[in-house]
Structure formats: C-alpha cells, structure tokens
C-alpha cells in the first residue's frame, strides 16, 4: 500500500495521497497560498500502523497548495408539467477550488 489519508475539507471527506490534485467546494483562500489541513480522520504511512482519529488525529497536519478557483460544468434543471404551459429551465455552476497535496 501507499501513503494515504482521509481528510475532512469543505464539508466532504476525501481519500488523499501525496503529490496528487483534488477539487472541492470553494475555499476562500488566495491562489498559490499554502494551507495546513488539520482535520485528518485516518492516516496510513508505508511500513507503519494505520492511525485512526476519534474523530480527528491530534498533532498531525497535511500541507497543501491552492492552485485555482474555477466553475464546474453547468448542470441543467428542467421542470415541466404535462398538459400545462408550465416549464422552467434553470442552470447552475458550482464554485470549486483545486489544490495539490504536498506532503504529510
């Protein structure tokens, strides 16, 4: 197995590995800024025992770099009532943030 962790970020739980890119709901941090993720639920390093938090691990942080803020592809919501002239078409684009996990 490789080194991995399960973290809680932006209301979601992610399985993360070092040197990989991830996208989550928008985080209000400037592009290029480094952040330390403190809410770690599980940590597994190669050759060590798995550490499980209750609910989070203390004294451990994961370093990440904010890469960009962007919009997800558009989702179309179309509601129609048959035999009536009621039609509603709405679109939504979620704001996302992409980040890189540097190291554990």
PDB file of N, CA and C in Angstrom:
ATOM      1  N   UNK A   1       0.837  -1.187   0.000  1.00  0.00           N
ATOM      2  CA  UNK A   1       0.000   0.000   0.000  1.00  0.00           C
ATOM      3  C   UNK A   1       0.879   1.247   0.000  1.00  0.00           C
ATOM      4  N   UNK A   2       0.292   2.313  -0.455  1.00  0.00           N
ATOM      5  CA  UNK A   2       0.994   3.586  -0.465  1.00  0.00           C
ATOM      6  C   UNK A   2       0.585   4.416   0.750  1.00  0.00           C
ATOM      7  N   UNK A   3       1.151   5.594   0.840  1.00  0.00           N
ATOM      8  CA  UNK A   3       0.794   6.513   1.901  1.00  0.00           C
ATOM      9  C   UNK A   3      -0.490   7.234   1.509  1.00  0.00           C
ATOM     10  N   UNK A   4      -1.463   7.262   2.413  1.00  0.00           N
ATOM     11  CA  UNK A   4      -2.720   7.949   2.131  1.00  0.00           C
ATOM     12  C   UNK A   4      -3.346   8.433   3.433  1.00  0.00           C
ATOM     13  N   UNK A   5      -4.330   9.295   3.285  1.00  0.00           N
ATOM     14  CA  UNK A   5      -5.059   9.808   4.447  1.00  0.00           C
ATOM     15  C   UNK A   5      -6.495  10.085   4.030  1.00  0.00           C
ATOM     16  N   UNK A   6      -7.371  10.102   5.011  1.00  0.00           N
ATOM     17  CA  UNK A   6      -8.747  10.528   4.782  1.00  0.00           C
ATOM     18  C   UNK A   6      -8.923  11.814   5.575  1.00  0.00           C
ATOM     19  N   UNK A   7      -9.293  12.888   4.860  1.00  0.00           N
ATOM     20  CA  UNK A   7      -9.411  14.201   5.490  1.00  0.00           C
ATOM     21  C   UNK A   7     -10.835  14.726   5.353  1.00  0.00           C
ATOM     22  N   UNK A   8     -11.154  15.698   6.197  1.00  0.00           N
ATOM     23  CA  UNK A   8     -12.441  16.382   6.138  1.00  0.00           C
ATOM     24  C   UNK A   8     -12.155  17.804   5.691  1.00  0.00           C
ATOM     25  N   UNK A   9     -12.635  18.176   4.487  1.00  0.00           N
ATOM     26  CA  UNK A   9     -12.387  19.506   3.950  1.00  0.00           C
ATOM     27  C   UNK A   9     -13.621  19.982   3.195  1.00  0.00           C
ATOM     28  N   UNK A  10     -14.018  21.210   3.456  1.00  0.00           N
ATOM     29  CA  UNK A  10     -15.156  21.849   2.777  1.00  0.00           C
ATOM     30  C   UNK A  10     -16.420  21.005   2.855  1.00  0.00           C
ATOM     31  N   UNK A  11     -16.629  20.358   3.995  1.00  0.00           N
ATOM     32  CA  UNK A  11     -17.842  19.583   4.187  1.00  0.00           C
ATOM     33  C   UNK A  11     -17.845  18.215   3.543  1.00  0.00           C
ATOM     34  N   UNK A  12     -16.721  17.782   3.000  1.00  0.00           N
ATOM     35  CA  UNK A  12     -16.633  16.474   2.360  1.00  0.00           C
ATOM     36  C   UNK A  12     -15.445  15.707   2.942  1.00  0.00           C
ATOM     37  N   UNK A  13     -15.509  14.380   2.848  1.00  0.00           N
ATOM     38  CA  UNK A  13     -14.389  13.545   3.261  1.00  0.00           C
ATOM     39  C   UNK A  13     -13.697  13.027   2.011  1.00  0.00           C
ATOM     40  N   UNK A  14     -12.371  13.207   1.939  1.00  0.00           N
ATOM     41  CA  UNK A  14     -11.594  12.812   0.762  1.00  0.00           C
ATOM     42  C   UNK A  14     -10.492  11.841   1.150  1.00  0.00           C
ATOM     43  N   UNK A  15     -10.238  10.872   0.279  1.00  0.00           N
ATOM     44  CA  UNK A  15      -9.086   9.980   0.372  1.00  0.00           C
ATOM     45  C   UNK A  15      -7.988  10.687  -0.410  1.00  0.00           C
ATOM     46  N   UNK A  16      -6.894  11.098   0.235  1.00  0.00           N
ATOM     47  CA  UNK A  16      -5.844  11.861  -0.434  1.00  0.00           C
ATOM     48  C   UNK A  16      -4.512  11.135  -0.350  1.00  0.00           C
ATOM     49  N   UNK A  17      -3.684  11.385  -1.366  1.00  0.00           N
ATOM     50  CA  UNK A  17      -2.328  10.847  -1.439  1.00  0.00           C
ATOM     51  C   UNK A  17      -1.386  11.994  -1.767  1.00  0.00           C
ATOM     52  N   UNK A  18      -0.110  11.903  -1.384  1.00  0.00           N
ATOM     53  CA  UNK A  18       0.839  12.979  -1.677  1.00  0.00           C
ATOM     54  C   UNK A  18       1.035  13.169  -3.180  1.00  0.00           C
ATOM     55  N   UNK A  19       1.306  14.416  -3.576  1.00  0.00           N
ATOM     56  CA  UNK A  19       1.602  14.806  -4.964  1.00  0.00           C
ATOM     57  C   UNK A  19       0.436  14.563  -5.916  1.00  0.00           C
ATOM     58  N   UNK A  20      -0.813  14.644  -5.410  1.00  0.00           N
ATOM     59  CA  UNK A  20      -1.990  14.481  -6.264  1.00  0.00           C
ATOM     60  C   UNK A  20      -2.870  15.715  -6.142  1.00  0.00           C
ATOM     61  N   UNK A  21      -3.676  15.944  -7.193  1.00  0.00           N
ATOM     62  CA  UNK A  21      -4.559  17.099  -7.262  1.00  0.00           C
ATOM     63  C   UNK A  21      -5.987  16.701  -6.890  1.00  0.00           C
ATOM     64  N   UNK A  22      -6.695  17.601  -6.202  1.00  0.00           N
ATOM     65  CA  UNK A  22      -8.078  17.350  -5.802  1.00  0.00           C
ATOM     66  C   UNK A  22      -8.884  18.630  -5.960  1.00  0.00           C
ATOM     67  N   UNK A  23     -10.195  18.477  -6.150  1.00  0.00           N
ATOM     68  CA  UNK A  23     -11.108  19.612  -6.259  1.00  0.00           C
ATOM     69  C   UNK A  23     -12.233  19.451  -5.244  1.00  0.00           C
ATOM     70  N   UNK A  24     -12.548  20.535  -4.538  1.00  0.00           N
ATOM     71  CA  UNK A  24     -13.624  20.538  -3.543  1.00  0.00           C
ATOM     72  C   UNK A  24     -14.417  21.835  -3.696  1.00  0.00           C
ATOM     73  N   UNK A  25     -15.514  21.954  -2.940  1.00  0.00           N
ATOM     74  CA  UNK A  25     -16.274  23.202  -2.926  1.00  0.00           C
ATOM     75  C   UNK A  25     -15.343  24.351  -2.561  1.00  0.00           C
ATOM     76  N   UNK A  26     -15.672  25.542  -3.022  1.00  0.00           N
ATOM     77  CA  UNK A  26     -14.773  26.687  -2.905  1.00  0.00           C
ATOM     78  C   UNK A  26     -14.312  26.945  -1.472  1.00  0.00           C
ATOM     79  N   UNK A  27     -12.991  27.163  -1.346  1.00  0.00           N
ATOM     80  CA  UNK A  27     -12.355  27.548  -0.089  1.00  0.00           C
ATOM     81  C   UNK A  27     -11.871  28.983  -0.286  1.00  0.00           C
ATOM     82  N   UNK A  28     -12.186  29.879   0.626  1.00  0.00           N
ATOM     83  CA  UNK A  28     -11.815  31.287   0.484  1.00  0.00           C
ATOM     84  C   UNK A  28     -10.370  31.517   0.913  1.00  0.00           C
ATOM     85  N   UNK A  29      -9.436  31.074   0.061  1.00  0.00           N
ATOM     86  CA  UNK A  29      -8.000  31.251   0.279  1.00  0.00           C
ATOM     87  C   UNK A  29      -7.408  31.704  -1.051  1.00  0.00           C
ATOM     88  N   UNK A  30      -6.399  32.573  -0.994  1.00  0.00           N
ATOM     89  CA  UNK A  30      -5.778  33.086  -2.210  1.00  0.00           C
ATOM     90  C   UNK A  30      -5.058  31.981  -2.982  1.00  0.00           C
ATOM     91  N   UNK A  31      -4.991  32.159  -4.305  1.00  0.00           N
ATOM     92  CA  UNK A  31      -4.298  31.204  -5.174  1.00  0.00           C
ATOM     93  C   UNK A  31      -2.803  31.248  -4.867  1.00  0.00           C
ATOM     94  N   UNK A  32      -2.169  30.079  -4.806  1.00  0.00           N
ATOM     95  CA  UNK A  32      -0.745  29.976  -4.541  1.00  0.00           C
ATOM     96  C   UNK A  32      -0.391  29.898  -3.065  1.00  0.00           C
ATOM     97  N   UNK A  33      -1.353  30.125  -2.200  1.00  0.00           N
ATOM     98  CA  UNK A  33      -1.095  30.093  -0.762  1.00  0.00           C
ATOM     99  C   UNK A  33      -1.056  28.654  -0.263  1.00  0.00           C
ATOM    100  N   UNK A  34      -0.168  28.391   0.691  1.00  0.00           N
ATOM    101  CA  UNK A  34      -0.061  27.060   1.287  1.00  0.00           C
ATOM    102  C   UNK A  34      -0.963  26.999   2.522  1.00  0.00           C
ATOM    103  N   UNK A  35      -1.667  25.872   2.667  1.00  0.00           N
ATOM    104  CA  UNK A  35      -2.543  25.691   3.817  1.00  0.00           C
ATOM    105  C   UNK A  35      -2.172  24.395   4.524  1.00  0.00           C
ATOM    106  N   UNK A  36      -2.476  24.332   5.811  1.00  0.00           N
ATOM    107  CA  UNK A  36      -2.254  23.118   6.600  1.00  0.00           C
ATOM    108  C   UNK A  36      -3.617  22.540   6.950  1.00  0.00           C
ATOM    109  N   UNK A  37      -3.872  21.328   6.510  1.00  0.00           N
ATOM    110  CA  UNK A  37      -5.139  20.662   6.780  1.00  0.00           C
ATOM    111  C   UNK A  37      -5.021  19.913   8.101  1.00  0.00           C
ATOM    112  N   UNK A  38      -5.841  20.291   9.073  1.00  0.00           N
ATOM    113  CA  UNK A  38      -5.758  19.733  10.419  1.00  0.00           C
ATOM    114  C   UNK A  38      -6.782  18.635  10.684  1.00  0.00           C
ATOM    115  N   UNK A  39      -7.868  18.603   9.920  1.00  0.00           N
ATOM    116  CA  UNK A  39      -8.968  17.671  10.187  1.00  0.00           C
ATOM    117  C   UNK A  39      -8.706  16.345   9.475  1.00  0.00           C
ATOM    118  N   UNK A  40      -7.847  15.518  10.071  1.00  0.00           N
ATOM    119  CA  UNK A  40      -7.454  14.233   9.494  1.00  0.00           C
ATOM    120  C   UNK A  40      -8.172  13.123  10.250  1.00  0.00           C
ATOM    121  N   UNK A  41      -8.913  12.312   9.511  1.00  0.00           N
ATOM    122  CA  UNK A  41      -9.679  11.228  10.118  1.00  0.00           C
ATOM    123  C   UNK A  41      -8.869   9.942  10.216  1.00  0.00           C
ATOM    124  N   UNK A  42      -8.015   9.687   9.219  1.00  0.00           N
ATOM    125  CA  UNK A  42      -7.241   8.445   9.171  1.00  0.00           C
ATOM    126  C   UNK A  42      -5.931   8.723   8.453  1.00  0.00           C
ATOM    127  N   UNK A  43      -4.851   8.096   8.900  1.00  0.00           N
ATOM    128  CA  UNK A  43      -3.545   8.260   8.270  1.00  0.00           C
ATOM    129  C   UNK A  43      -2.863   6.909   8.176  1.00  0.00           C
ATOM    130  N   UNK A  44      -2.386   6.578   6.984  1.00  0.00           N
ATOM    131  CA  UNK A  44      -1.671   5.325   6.764  1.00  0.00           C
ATOM    132  C   UNK A  44      -0.384   5.628   6.014  1.00  0.00           C
ATOM    133  N   UNK A  45       0.754   5.354   6.654  1.00  0.00           N
ATOM    134  CA  UNK A  45       2.053   5.529   6.011  1.00  0.00           C
ATOM    135  C   UNK A  45       2.650   4.166   5.742  1.00  0.00           C
ATOM    136  N   UNK A  46       3.440   4.082   4.698  1.00  0.00           N
ATOM    137  CA  UNK A  46       4.066   2.836   4.288  1.00  0.00           C
ATOM    138  C   UNK A  46       4.955   2.303   5.412  1.00  0.00           C
ATOM    139  N   UNK A  47       4.727   1.082   5.845  1.00  0.00           N
ATOM    140  CA  UNK A  47       5.534   0.453   6.877  1.00  0.00           C
ATOM    141  C   UNK A  47       5.141   0.801   8.300  1.00  0.00           C
ATOM    142  N   UNK A  48       4.068   1.563   8.493  1.00  0.00           N
ATOM    143  CA  UNK A  48       3.608   1.920   9.834  1.00  0.00           C
ATOM    144  C   UNK A  48       2.176   1.441  10.032  1.00  0.00           C
ATOM    145  N   UNK A  49       1.747   1.450  11.281  1.00  0.00           N
ATOM    146  CA  UNK A  49       0.363   1.077  11.574  1.00  0.00           C
ATOM    147  C   UNK A  49      -0.580   2.201  11.148  1.00  0.00           C
ATOM    148  N   UNK A  50      -1.803   1.842  10.836  1.00  0.00           N
ATOM    149  CA  UNK A  50      -2.817   2.824  10.476  1.00  0.00           C
ATOM    150  C   UNK A  50      -3.257   3.563  11.737  1.00  0.00           C
ATOM    151  N   UNK A  51      -3.308   4.897  11.645  1.00  0.00           N
ATOM    152  CA  UNK A  51      -3.754   5.724  12.768  1.00  0.00           C
ATOM    153  C   UNK A  51      -5.170   6.198  12.470  1.00  0.00           C
ATOM    154  N   UNK A  52      -6.073   5.948  13.401  1.00  0.00           N
ATOM    155  CA  UNK A  52      -7.470   6.338  13.241  1.00  0.00           C
ATOM    156  C   UNK A  52      -7.812   7.352  14.324  1.00  0.00           C
ATOM    157  N   UNK A  53      -8.384   8.489  13.921  1.00  0.00           N
ATOM    158  CA  UNK A  53      -8.757   9.534  14.866  1.00  0.00           C
ATOM    159  C   UNK A  53     -10.120   9.291  15.485  1.00  0.00           C
ATOM    160  N   UNK A  54     -10.370   9.976  16.615  1.00  0.00           N
ATOM    161  CA  UNK A  54     -11.647   9.814  17.305  1.00  0.00           C
ATOM    162  C   UNK A  54     -12.207  11.182  17.657  1.00  0.00           C
ATOM    163  N   UNK A  55     -12.702  12.028  16.810  1.00  0.00           N
ATOM    164  CA  UNK A  55     -12.880  11.813  15.384  1.00  0.00           C
ATOM    165  C   UNK A  55     -11.674  12.241  14.550  1.00  0.00           C
ATOM    166  N   UNK A  56     -10.781  13.124  15.092  1.00  0.00           N
ATOM    167  CA  UNK A  56      -9.636  13.598  14.321  1.00  0.00           C
ATOM    168  C   UNK A  56      -8.334  13.224  15.016  1.00  0.00           C
ATOM    169  N   UNK A  57      -7.245  13.179  14.230  1.00  0.00           N
ATOM    170  CA  UNK A  57      -5.912  12.919  14.769  1.00  0.00           C
ATOM    171  C   UNK A  57      -5.316  14.229  15.278  1.00  0.00           C
ATOM    172  N   UNK A  58      -4.707  14.202  16.453  1.00  0.00           N
ATOM    173  CA  UNK A  58      -4.090  15.392  17.038  1.00  0.00           C
ATOM    174  C   UNK A  58      -2.612  15.450  16.679  1.00  0.00           C
ATOM    175  N   UNK A  59      -2.104  16.669  16.458  1.00  0.00           N
ATOM    176  CA  UNK A  59      -0.682  16.872  16.229  1.00  0.00           C
ATOM    177  C   UNK A  59      -0.194  16.490  14.842  1.00  0.00           C
ATOM    178  N   UNK A  60      -1.084  16.203  13.926  1.00  0.00           N
ATOM    179  CA  UNK A  60      -0.695  15.836  12.563  1.00  0.00           C
ATOM    180  C   UNK A  60      -1.373  16.802  11.604  1.00  0.00           C
ATOM    181  N   UNK A  61      -0.616  17.272  10.602  1.00  0.00           N
ATOM    182  CA  UNK A  61      -1.213  18.139   9.588  1.00  0.00           C
ATOM    183  C   UNK A  61      -0.712  17.733   8.209  1.00  0.00           C
ATOM    184  N   UNK A  62      -1.492  18.060   7.212  1.00  0.00           N
ATOM    185  CA  UNK A  62      -1.152  17.779   5.818  1.00  0.00           C
ATOM    186  C   UNK A  62      -1.010  19.123   5.117  1.00  0.00           C
ATOM    187  N   UNK A  63       0.102  19.328   4.411  1.00  0.00           N
ATOM    188  CA  UNK A  63       0.353  20.585   3.714  1.00  0.00           C
ATOM    189  C   UNK A  63      -0.184  20.507   2.293  1.00  0.00           C
ATOM    190  N   UNK A  64      -0.873  21.574   1.885  1.00  0.00           N
ATOM    191  CA  UNK A  64      -1.451  21.635   0.546  1.00  0.00           C
ATOM    192  C   UNK A  64      -1.256  23.035  -0.021  1.00  0.00           C
ATOM    193  N   UNK A  65      -1.286  23.141  -1.355  1.00  0.00           N
ATOM    194  CA  UNK A  65      -1.161  24.414  -2.047  1.00  0.00           C
ATOM    195  C   UNK A  65      -2.406  24.644  -2.889  1.00  0.00           C
ATOM    196  N   UNK A  66      -3.001  25.824  -2.776  1.00  0.00           N
ATOM    197  CA  UNK A  66      -4.180  26.177  -3.572  1.00  0.00           C
ATOM    198  C   UNK A  66      -3.716  26.491  -4.993  1.00  0.00           C
ATOM    199  N   UNK A  67      -4.306  25.819  -5.983  1.00  0.00           N
ATOM    200  CA  UNK A  67      -3.896  26.003  -7.369  1.00  0.00           C
ATOM    201  C   UNK A  67      -4.793  26.964  -8.138  1.00  0.00           C
ATOM    202  N   UNK A  68      -6.120  26.784  -8.039  1.00  0.00           N
ATOM    203  CA  UNK A  68      -7.014  27.662  -8.788  1.00  0.00           C
ATOM    204  C   UNK A  68      -8.435  27.560  -8.253  1.00  0.00           C
ATOM    205  N   UNK A  69      -9.208  28.594  -8.571  1.00  0.00           N
ATOM    206  CA  UNK A  69     -10.642  28.604  -8.318  1.00  0.00           C
ATOM    207  C   UNK A  69     -11.310  28.548  -9.690  1.00  0.00           C
ATOM    208  N   UNK A  70     -12.341  27.745  -9.831  1.00  0.00           N
ATOM    209  CA  UNK A  70     -12.993  27.616 -11.134  1.00  0.00           C
ATOM    210  C   UNK A  70     -14.448  27.207 -10.957  1.00  0.00           C
ATOM    211  N   UNK A  71     -15.176  27.181 -12.064  1.00  0.00           N
ATOM    212  CA  UNK A  71     -16.577  26.781 -12.062  1.00  0.00           C
ATOM    213  C   UNK A  71     -16.703  25.383 -12.647  1.00  0.00           C
ATOM    214  N   UNK A  72     -17.543  24.572 -12.038  1.00  0.00           N
ATOM    215  CA  UNK A  72     -17.806  23.220 -12.541  1.00  0.00           C
ATOM    216  C   UNK A  72     -18.641  23.323 -13.817  1.00  0.00           C
ATOM    217  N   UNK A  73     -18.735  22.240 -14.587  1.00  0.00           N
ATOM    218  CA  UNK A  73     -19.610  22.259 -15.769  1.00  0.00           C
ATOM    219  C   UNK A  73     -21.056  22.559 -15.368  1.00  0.00           C
ATOM    220  N   UNK A  74     -21.775  23.178 -16.290  1.00  0.00           N
ATOM    221  CA  UNK A  74     -23.146  23.595 -15.998  1.00  0.00           C
ATOM    222  C   UNK A  74     -24.081  22.398 -15.883  1.00  0.00           C
ATOM    223  N   UNK A  75     -24.945  22.460 -14.884  1.00  0.00           N
ATOM    224  CA  UNK A  75     -25.974  21.442 -14.685  1.00  0.00           C
ATOM    225  C   UNK A  75     -27.308  22.098 -15.027  1.00  0.00           C
ATOM    226  N   UNK A  76     -28.085  21.471 -15.900  1.00  0.00           N
ATOM    227  CA  UNK A  76     -29.378  21.995 -16.317  1.00  0.00           C
ATOM    228  C   UNK A  76     -30.482  21.307 -15.518  1.00  0.00           C
ATOM    229  N   UNK A  77     -31.357  22.108 -14.933  1.00  0.00           N
ATOM    230  CA  UNK A  77     -32.519  21.593 -14.213  1.00  0.00           C
ATOM    231  C   UNK A  77     -33.743  22.028 -15.007  1.00  0.00           C
ATOM    232  N   UNK A  78     -34.504  21.061 -15.520  1.00  0.00           N
ATOM    233  CA  UNK A  78     -35.675  21.360 -16.344  1.00  0.00           C
ATOM    234  C   UNK A  78     -36.898  20.733 -15.710  1.00  0.00           C
ATOM    235  N   UNK A  79     -37.854  21.571 -15.358  1.00  0.00           N
ATOM    236  CA  UNK A  79     -39.096  21.083 -14.761  1.00  0.00           C
ATOM    237  C   UNK A  79     -40.239  21.418 -15.705  1.00  0.00           C
ATOM    238  N   UNK A  80     -41.124  20.442 -15.912  1.00  0.00           N
ATOM    239  CA  UNK A  80     -42.241  20.636 -16.818  1.00  0.00           C
ATOM    240  C   UNK A  80     -43.462  19.914 -16.281  1.00  0.00           C
ATOM    241  N   UNK A  81     -44.595  20.550 -16.396  1.00  0.00           N
ATOM    242  CA  UNK A  81     -45.844  19.893 -16.037  1.00  0.00           C
ATOM    243  C   UNK A  81     -46.581  19.558 -17.328  1.00  0.00           C
ATOM    244  N   UNK A  82     -46.864  18.286 -17.554  1.00  0.00           N
ATOM    245  CA  UNK A  82     -47.536  17.919 -18.795  1.00  0.00           C
ATOM    246  C   UNK A  82     -48.949  18.509 -18.868  1.00  0.00           C
ATOM    247  N   UNK A  83     -49.397  18.770 -20.079  1.00  0.00           N
ATOM    248  CA  UNK A  83     -50.737  19.298 -20.386  1.00  0.00           C
ATOM    249  C   UNK A  83     -50.955  20.704 -19.837  1.00  0.00           C
ATOM    250  N   UNK A  84     -49.926  21.349 -19.382  1.00  0.00           N
ATOM    251  CA  UNK A  84     -49.993  22.737 -18.919  1.00  0.00           C
ATOM    252  C   UNK A  84     -48.917  23.507 -19.687  1.00  0.00           C
ATOM    253  N   UNK A  85     -48.916  24.791 -19.542  1.00  0.00           N
ATOM    254  CA  UNK A  85     -47.863  25.579 -20.182  1.00  0.00           C
ATOM    255  C   UNK A  85     -46.829  26.010 -19.146  1.00  0.00           C
ATOM    256  N   UNK A  86     -46.538  25.097 -18.222  1.00  0.00           N
ATOM    257  CA  UNK A  86     -45.589  25.393 -17.162  1.00  0.00           C
ATOM    258  C   UNK A  86     -44.274  24.687 -17.457  1.00  0.00           C
ATOM    259  N   UNK A  87     -43.262  25.476 -17.735  1.00  0.00           N
ATOM    260  CA  UNK A  87     -41.929  24.937 -17.983  1.00  0.00           C
ATOM    261  C   UNK A  87     -40.925  25.858 -17.296  1.00  0.00           C
ATOM    262  N   UNK A  88     -39.931  25.251 -16.673  1.00  0.00           N
ATOM    263  CA  UNK A  88     -38.907  26.035 -16.010  1.00  0.00           C
ATOM    264  C   UNK A  88     -37.550  25.413 -16.305  1.00  0.00           C
ATOM    265  N   UNK A  89     -36.635  26.190 -16.834  1.00  0.00           N
ATOM    266  CA  UNK A  89     -35.287  25.704 -17.140  1.00  0.00           C
ATOM    267  C   UNK A  89     -34.294  26.594 -16.396  1.00  0.00           C
ATOM    268  N   UNK A  90     -33.515  25.970 -15.542  1.00  0.00           N
ATOM    269  CA  UNK A  90     -32.516  26.692 -14.754  1.00  0.00           C
ATOM    270  C   UNK A  90     -31.171  26.012 -14.927  1.00  0.00           C
ATOM    271  N   UNK A  91     -30.118  26.786 -14.795  1.00  0.00           N
ATOM    272  CA  UNK A  91     -28.769  26.236 -14.844  1.00  0.00           C
ATOM    273  C   UNK A  91     -28.017  26.581 -13.564  1.00  0.00           C
ATOM    274  N   UNK A  92     -27.026  25.762 -13.237  1.00  0.00           N
ATOM    275  CA  UNK A  92     -26.230  26.004 -12.029  1.00  0.00           C
ATOM    276  C   UNK A  92     -24.792  25.579 -12.295  1.00  0.00           C
ATOM    277  N   UNK A  93     -23.853  26.418 -11.862  1.00  0.00           N
ATOM    278  CA  UNK A  93     -22.431  26.078 -11.923  1.00  0.00           C
ATOM    279  C   UNK A  93     -21.846  26.253 -10.530  1.00  0.00           C
ATOM    280  N   UNK A  94     -21.316  25.167  -9.988  1.00  0.00           N
ATOM    281  CA  UNK A  94     -20.764  25.179  -8.634  1.00  0.00           C
ATOM    282  C   UNK A  94     -19.369  25.794  -8.642  1.00  0.00           C
ATOM    283  N   UNK A  95     -19.061  26.622  -7.648  1.00  0.00           N
ATOM    284  CA  UNK A  95     -17.721  27.183  -7.482  1.00  0.00           C
ATOM    285  C   UNK A  95     -16.841  26.132  -6.811  1.00  0.00           C
ATOM    286  N   UNK A  96     -15.673  25.845  -7.403  1.00  0.00           N
ATOM    287  CA  UNK A  96     -14.767  24.825  -6.885  1.00  0.00           C
ATOM    288  C   UNK A  96     -13.373  25.400  -6.676  1.00  0.00           C
ATOM    289  N   UNK A  97     -12.589  24.723  -5.852  1.00  0.00           N
ATOM    290  CA  UNK A  97     -11.185  25.054  -5.628  1.00  0.00           C
ATOM    291  C   UNK A  97     -10.356  23.805  -5.869  1.00  0.00           C
ATOM    292  N   UNK A  98      -9.264  23.962  -6.612  1.00  0.00           N
ATOM    293  CA  UNK A  98      -8.349  22.855  -6.878  1.00  0.00           C
ATOM    294  C   UNK A  98      -7.095  23.053  -6.023  1.00  0.00           C
ATOM    295  N   UNK A  99      -6.615  21.963  -5.421  1.00  0.00           N
ATOM    296  CA  UNK A  99      -5.415  22.064  -4.589  1.00  0.00           C
ATOM    297  C   UNK A  99      -4.539  20.833  -4.775  1.00  0.00           C
ATOM    298  N   UNK A 100      -3.267  20.979  -4.416  1.00  0.00           N
ATOM    299  CA  UNK A 100      -2.261  19.924  -4.518  1.00  0.00           C
ATOM    300  C   UNK A 100      -1.819  19.545  -3.109  1.00  0.00           C
ATOM    301  N   UNK A 101      -1.808  18.245  -2.819  1.00  0.00           N
ATOM    302  CA  UNK A 101      -1.298  17.759  -1.533  1.00  0.00           C
ATOM    303  C   UNK A 101       0.226  17.687  -1.647  1.00  0.00           C
ATOM    304  N   UNK A 102       0.939  18.468  -0.838  1.00  0.00           N
ATOM    305  CA  UNK A 102       2.399  18.491  -0.904  1.00  0.00           C
ATOM    306  C   UNK A 102       3.019  17.325  -0.137  1.00  0.00           C
ATOM    307  N   UNK A 103       2.752  17.258   1.150  1.00  0.00           N
ATOM    308  CA  UNK A 103       3.323  16.180   1.964  1.00  0.00           C
ATOM    309  C   UNK A 103       2.511  16.010   3.238  1.00  0.00           C
ATOM    310  N   UNK A 104       2.795  14.920   3.949  1.00  0.00           N
ATOM    311  CA  UNK A 104       2.101  14.623   5.202  1.00  0.00           C
ATOM    312  C   UNK A 104       3.007  14.985   6.359  1.00  0.00           C
TER     313      UNK A 104
END
